[in-house]
C-alpha atoms as a PDB file:
ATOM      1  CA  MET A   1     -40.552  71.322   2.538  1.00  0.00           C
ATOM      2  CA  LEU A   2     -40.566  74.943   3.649  1.00  0.00           C
ATOM      3  CA  ALA A   3     -44.349  75.000   3.045  1.00  0.00           C
ATOM      4  CA  VAL A   4     -44.696  72.166   5.487  1.00  0.00           C
ATOM      5  CA  ILE A   5     -42.850  74.068   8.148  1.00  0.00           C
ATOM      6  CA  ARG A   6     -44.988  77.103   7.697  1.00  0.00           C
ATOM      7  CA  LEU A   7     -48.564  75.576   7.479  1.00  0.00           C
ATOM      8  CA  ARG A   8     -50.682  75.494  10.488  1.00  0.00           C
ATOM      9  CA  ASN A   9     -53.401  73.271   8.847  1.00  0.00           C
ATOM     10  CA  LEU A  10     -52.218  69.743   9.775  1.00  0.00           C
ATOM     11  CA  PHE A  11     -54.521  68.145   7.006  1.00  0.00           C
ATOM     12  CA  ALA A  12     -52.504  70.137   4.392  1.00  0.00           C
ATOM     13  CA  VAL A  13     -49.289  69.015   5.990  1.00  0.00           C
ATOM     14  CA  VAL A  14     -50.312  65.326   5.780  1.00  0.00           C
ATOM     15  CA  MET A  15     -51.282  65.762   2.154  1.00  0.00           C
ATOM     16  CA  LEU A  16     -47.920  67.400   1.333  1.00  0.00           C
ATOM     17  CA  PHE A  17     -46.056  64.601   2.921  1.00  0.00           C
ATOM     18  CA  GLY A  18     -48.046  62.134   1.016  1.00  0.00           C
ATOM     19  CA  ILE A  19     -47.438  63.839  -2.302  1.00  0.00           C
ATOM     20  CA  TYR A  20     -43.751  63.999  -1.349  1.00  0.00           C
ATOM     21  CA  SER A  21     -43.537  60.227  -0.653  1.00  0.00           C
ATOM     22  CA  PHE A  22     -45.348  59.580  -4.060  1.00  0.00           C
ATOM     23  CA  LEU A  23     -42.818  61.792  -5.905  1.00  0.00           C
ATOM     24  CA  ALA A  24     -39.903  59.896  -4.070  1.00  0.00           C
ATOM     25  CA  ALA A  25     -41.357  56.669  -5.122  1.00  0.00           C
ATOM     26  CA  ALA A  26     -41.503  57.909  -8.746  1.00  0.00           C
ATOM     27  CA  LEU A  27     -37.936  59.129  -8.525  1.00  0.00           C
ATOM     28  CA  PHE A  28     -36.803  55.662  -7.239  1.00  0.00           C
ATOM     29  CA  VAL A  29     -38.606  54.045 -10.313  1.00  0.00           C
ATOM     30  CA  THR A  30     -36.587  56.368 -12.654  1.00  0.00           C
ATOM     31  CA  LEU A  31     -33.350  55.206 -10.846  1.00  0.00           C
ATOM     32  CA  ASN A  32     -34.389  51.549 -11.447  1.00  0.00           C
ATOM     33  CA  ALA A  33     -34.778  50.934  -7.720  1.00  0.00           C
ATOM     34  CA  VAL A  34     -38.188  49.387  -8.008  1.00  0.00           C
ATOM     35  CA  ASP A  35     -38.058  47.570  -4.629  1.00  0.00           C
ATOM     36  CA  VAL A  36     -37.304  50.737  -2.831  1.00  0.00           C
ATOM     37  CA  ALA A  37     -39.982  52.624  -4.891  1.00  0.00           C
ATOM     38  CA  PHE A  38     -42.496  49.976  -3.951  1.00  0.00           C
ATOM     39  CA  THR A  39     -41.665  50.249  -0.277  1.00  0.00           C
ATOM     40  CA  GLU A  40     -41.852  54.000  -0.371  1.00  0.00           C
ATOM     41  CA  ALA A  41     -45.251  54.018  -2.103  1.00  0.00           C
ATOM     42  CA  ALA A  42     -46.668  51.487   0.199  1.00  0.00           C
ATOM     43  CA  VAL A  43     -45.230  52.829   3.472  1.00  0.00           C
ATOM     44  CA  GLY A  44     -44.678  56.587   2.881  1.00  0.00           C
ATOM     45  CA  ALA A  45     -47.544  57.486   0.589  1.00  0.00           C
ATOM     46  CA  GLY A  46     -49.912  54.651   1.780  1.00  0.00           C
ATOM     47  CA  ILE A  47     -49.676  53.487   5.407  1.00  0.00           C
ATOM     48  CA  ALA A  48     -48.079  56.578   6.738  1.00  0.00           C
ATOM     49  CA  THR A  49     -50.549  58.928   5.215  1.00  0.00           C
ATOM     50  CA  PHE A  50     -53.477  56.670   6.339  1.00  0.00           C
ATOM     51  CA  LEU A  51     -52.182  56.610   9.930  1.00  0.00           C
ATOM     52  CA  MET A  52     -51.668  60.493   9.944  1.00  0.00           C
ATOM     53  CA  LEU A  53     -55.146  61.069   8.701  1.00  0.00           C
ATOM     54  CA  SER A  54     -56.588  58.598  11.211  1.00  0.00           C
ATOM     55  CA  THR A  55     -54.892  60.522  13.975  1.00  0.00           C
ATOM     56  CA  LEU A  56     -56.213  63.800  12.626  1.00  0.00           C
ATOM     57  CA  ALA A  57     -59.782  62.258  12.862  1.00  0.00           C
ATOM     58  CA  LEU A  58     -59.186  61.751  16.624  1.00  0.00           C
ATOM     59  CA  THR A  59     -57.475  65.146  17.270  1.00  0.00           C
ATOM     60  CA  VAL A  60     -57.607  68.727  16.037  1.00  0.00           C
ATOM     61  CA  ARG A  61     -56.957  69.880  12.442  1.00  0.00           C
ATOM     62  CA  ARG A  62     -54.979  73.067  13.363  1.00  0.00           C
ATOM     63  CA  GLU A  63     -51.713  73.336  15.162  1.00  0.00           C
ATOM     64  CA  LYS A  64     -51.857  75.202  18.385  1.00  0.00           C
ATOM     65  CA  LEU A  65     -49.621  78.380  18.359  1.00  0.00           C
ATOM     66  CA  ARG A  66     -46.966  78.429  20.978  1.00  0.00           C
ATOM     67  CA  ARG A  67     -46.126  81.854  22.465  1.00  0.00           C
ATOM     68  CA  LYS A  68     -42.630  81.015  23.539  1.00  0.00           C
ATOM     69  CA  ARG A  69     -40.207  79.630  21.076  1.00  0.00           C
ATOM     70  CA  SER A  70     -37.219  77.544  22.088  1.00  0.00           C
ATOM     71  CA  VAL A  71     -33.805  77.429  20.335  1.00  0.00           C
ATOM     72  CA  ILE A  72     -33.077  73.897  21.595  1.00  0.00           C
ATOM     73  CA  PRO A  73     -34.950  71.982  18.931  1.00  0.00           C
ATOM     74  CA  LEU A  74     -33.310  74.088  16.217  1.00  0.00           C
ATOM     75  CA  LEU A  75     -29.849  73.296  17.663  1.00  0.00           C
ATOM     76  CA  VAL A  76     -30.595  69.533  17.944  1.00  0.00           C
ATOM     77  CA  VAL A  77     -31.772  69.276  14.407  1.00  0.00           C
ATOM     78  CA  THR A  78     -28.926  71.346  13.044  1.00  0.00           C
ATOM     79  CA  SER A  79     -26.295  69.316  14.940  1.00  0.00           C
ATOM     80  CA  ILE A  80     -27.875  65.993  13.706  1.00  0.00           C
ATOM     81  CA  GLY A  81     -28.008  67.311  10.178  1.00  0.00           C
ATOM     82  CA  ALA A  82     -24.427  68.443  10.190  1.00  0.00           C
ATOM     83  CA  THR A  83     -23.303  65.037  11.615  1.00  0.00           C
ATOM     84  CA  LEU A  84     -25.183  63.254   8.712  1.00  0.00           C
ATOM     85  CA  VAL A  85     -23.660  65.533   6.131  1.00  0.00           C
ATOM     86  CA  TYR A  86     -20.189  64.896   7.725  1.00  0.00           C
ATOM     87  CA  GLY A  87     -20.813  61.185   7.453  1.00  0.00           C
ATOM     88  CA  THR A  88     -21.254  61.424   3.601  1.00  0.00           C
ATOM     89  CA  PHE A  89     -17.823  62.936   3.036  1.00  0.00           C
ATOM     90  CA  ASP A  90     -16.185  59.434   3.215  1.00  0.00           C
ATOM     91  CA  MET A  91     -18.769  57.874   0.581  1.00  0.00           C
ATOM     92  CA  PRO A  92     -17.833  57.145  -2.938  1.00  0.00           C
ATOM     93  CA  TYR A  93     -19.318  59.366  -5.739  1.00  0.00           C
ATOM     94  CA  PHE A  94     -22.525  58.396  -7.262  1.00  0.00           C
ATOM     95  CA  SER A  95     -22.086  55.614  -9.944  1.00  0.00           C
ATOM     96  CA  ASP A  96     -18.357  55.550  -9.407  1.00  0.00           C
ATOM     97  CA  PRO A  97     -17.230  52.259 -11.080  1.00  0.00           C
ATOM     98  CA  SER A  98     -14.332  51.906  -8.688  1.00  0.00           C
ATOM     99  CA  ALA A  99     -16.565  51.988  -5.593  1.00  0.00           C
ATOM    100  CA  PRO A 100     -16.302  48.891  -3.269  1.00  0.00           C
ATOM    101  CA  LEU A 101     -19.885  48.041  -4.142  1.00  0.00           C
ATOM    102  CA  HIS A 102     -19.097  47.666  -7.813  1.00  0.00           C
ATOM    103  CA  SER A 103     -15.801  45.786  -7.403  1.00  0.00           C
ATOM    104  CA  HIS A 104     -16.547  43.405  -4.671  1.00  0.00           C
ATOM    105  CA  VAL A 105     -20.209  43.100  -3.511  1.00  0.00           C
ATOM    106  CA  ALA A 106     -21.945  43.203  -6.869  1.00  0.00           C
ATOM    107  CA  ARG A 107     -19.499  40.777  -8.451  1.00  0.00           C
ATOM    108  CA  HIS A 108     -20.005  38.292  -5.632  1.00  0.00           C
ATOM    109  CA  TYR A 109     -23.837  38.471  -5.907  1.00  0.00           C
ATOM    110  CA  ILE A 110     -23.797  38.005  -9.634  1.00  0.00           C
ATOM    111  CA  GLU A 111     -21.288  35.121  -9.597  1.00  0.00           C
ATOM    112  CA  SER A 112     -22.307  33.217  -6.557  1.00  0.00           C
ATOM    113  CA  SER A 113     -25.929  33.896  -5.573  1.00  0.00           C
ATOM    114  CA  THR A 114     -27.400  30.933  -7.732  1.00  0.00           C
ATOM    115  CA  ALA A 115     -24.999  28.455  -6.048  1.00  0.00           C
ATOM    116  CA  GLU A 116     -25.306  29.853  -2.490  1.00  0.00           C
ATOM    117  CA  VAL A 117     -29.119  30.530  -2.420  1.00  0.00           C
ATOM    118  CA  GLY A 118     -30.429  28.138  -5.019  1.00  0.00           C
ATOM    119  CA  VAL A 119     -32.782  30.727  -6.428  1.00  0.00           C
ATOM    120  CA  PRO A 120     -32.354  31.490 -10.221  1.00  0.00           C
ATOM    121  CA  ASN A 121     -33.506  35.145  -9.955  1.00  0.00           C
ATOM    122  CA  LEU A 122     -30.777  37.366  -8.758  1.00  0.00           C
ATOM    123  CA  VAL A 123     -32.983  40.039  -7.304  1.00  0.00           C
ATOM    124  CA  THR A 124     -35.026  37.549  -5.289  1.00  0.00           C
ATOM    125  CA  ALA A 125     -31.894  35.982  -4.079  1.00  0.00           C
ATOM    126  CA  VAL A 126     -30.463  39.163  -2.771  1.00  0.00           C
ATOM    127  CA  LEU A 127     -33.752  40.446  -1.145  1.00  0.00           C
ATOM    128  CA  THR A 128     -34.666  37.212   0.556  1.00  0.00           C
ATOM    129  CA  SER A 129     -31.321  35.879   1.461  1.00  0.00           C
ATOM    130  CA  TYR A 130     -28.569  38.407   1.605  1.00  0.00           C
ATOM    131  CA  ARG A 131     -30.865  41.240   2.920  1.00  0.00           C
ATOM    132  CA  GLY A 132     -32.992  39.100   5.025  1.00  0.00           C
ATOM    133  CA  TYR A 133     -31.897  40.603   8.341  1.00  0.00           C
ATOM    134  CA  ASP A 134     -32.489  44.083   6.730  1.00  0.00           C
ATOM    135  CA  THR A 135     -36.108  43.025   5.965  1.00  0.00           C
ATOM    136  CA  LEU A 136     -36.628  41.681   9.343  1.00  0.00           C
ATOM    137  CA  GLY A 137     -35.394  44.958  10.830  1.00  0.00           C
ATOM    138  CA  GLU A 138     -37.705  46.915   8.735  1.00  0.00           C
ATOM    139  CA  LEU A 139     -40.667  44.853   9.843  1.00  0.00           C
ATOM    140  CA  THR A 140     -39.546  45.488  13.463  1.00  0.00           C
ATOM    141  CA  VAL A 141     -39.448  49.164  13.001  1.00  0.00           C
ATOM    142  CA  ILE A 142     -42.962  49.149  11.426  1.00  0.00           C
ATOM    143  CA  PHE A 143     -44.392  46.912  14.210  1.00  0.00           C
ATOM    144  CA  THR A 144     -42.778  49.234  16.845  1.00  0.00           C
ATOM    145  CA  ALA A 145     -44.267  52.264  15.080  1.00  0.00           C
ATOM    146  CA  GLY A 146     -47.650  50.779  15.159  1.00  0.00           C
ATOM    147  CA  ILE A 147     -47.409  49.995  18.816  1.00  0.00           C
ATOM    148  CA  GLY A 148     -46.292  53.603  19.451  1.00  0.00           C
ATOM    149  CA  VAL A 149     -49.327  54.930  17.510  1.00  0.00           C
ATOM    150  CA  LEU A 150     -51.590  52.737  19.556  1.00  0.00           C
ATOM    151  CA  ALA A 151     -49.953  53.973  22.824  1.00  0.00           C
ATOM    152  CA  LEU A 152     -50.167  57.514  21.755  1.00  0.00           C
ATOM    153  CA  LEU A 153     -53.840  57.295  20.766  1.00  0.00           C
ATOM    154  CA  GLY A 154     -54.700  55.744  24.129  1.00  0.00           C
ATOM    155  CA  TYR A 155     -55.671  52.216  22.895  1.00  0.00           C
ATOM    156  CA  ARG A 156     -58.004  50.629  25.461  1.00  0.00           C
ATOM    157  CA  LYS A 157     -59.655  47.380  25.829  1.00  0.00           C
ATOM    158  CA  ARG A 158     -63.387  46.956  25.179  1.00  0.00           C
ATOM    159  CA  GLY A 159     -65.353  47.766  28.258  1.00  0.00           C
ATOM    160  CA  GLY A 160     -62.358  49.145  30.052  1.00  0.00           C
ATOM    161  CA  LYS A 161     -61.361  52.510  31.169  1.00  0.00           C
ATOM    162  CA  ARG A 162     -58.478  54.559  29.732  1.00  0.00           C
END
C-alpha cells in the first residue's frame, strides 16, 4: 500500500488497487467465505477498477503535485484509524468457540432456518432472508456511488449544455 501512496501515475495506482482486490478475494476463498470473495471480485476487482479506468480516460493520467502540504488530512485519517482500532478491542478473538456468534446466532440459523424461511439450503436462507436488509443496503451504496460518479464526471443530457 505504500507504493500506492508514493506513485504519481494514476493508471499504476488503479492497477495496484485491482490486484489488491483480487488478492483479497483469493484470501476470502481460502477462508471459506465464498460469498464475500465473489462480491470482492465483482465489485472491488471488477466494477471499481472499470470505473476508475473510465474516469482516467476522461481525465489526466498523472497526479498534479501540490506545493503546499497540509497536516489536517493526516490528522483526520489517523484519528479515524485509531477509533477503528479502538473499536476492535471489544471483539472476540478469531475463531473463538465461546464467541456469541458460535453459541447463539449460528446455532439458531442451523436449527431454525428451514422452518422459518422454508428454503432447504442454509446459505441461501441466510443470504436472502436473514441478511436481506444488509443486501439492500449494499445495493443502495452501489447505486449512490454510481450517481456520485455520474455527478463528478458532469453527466449531461443529450443536446444539452453542461
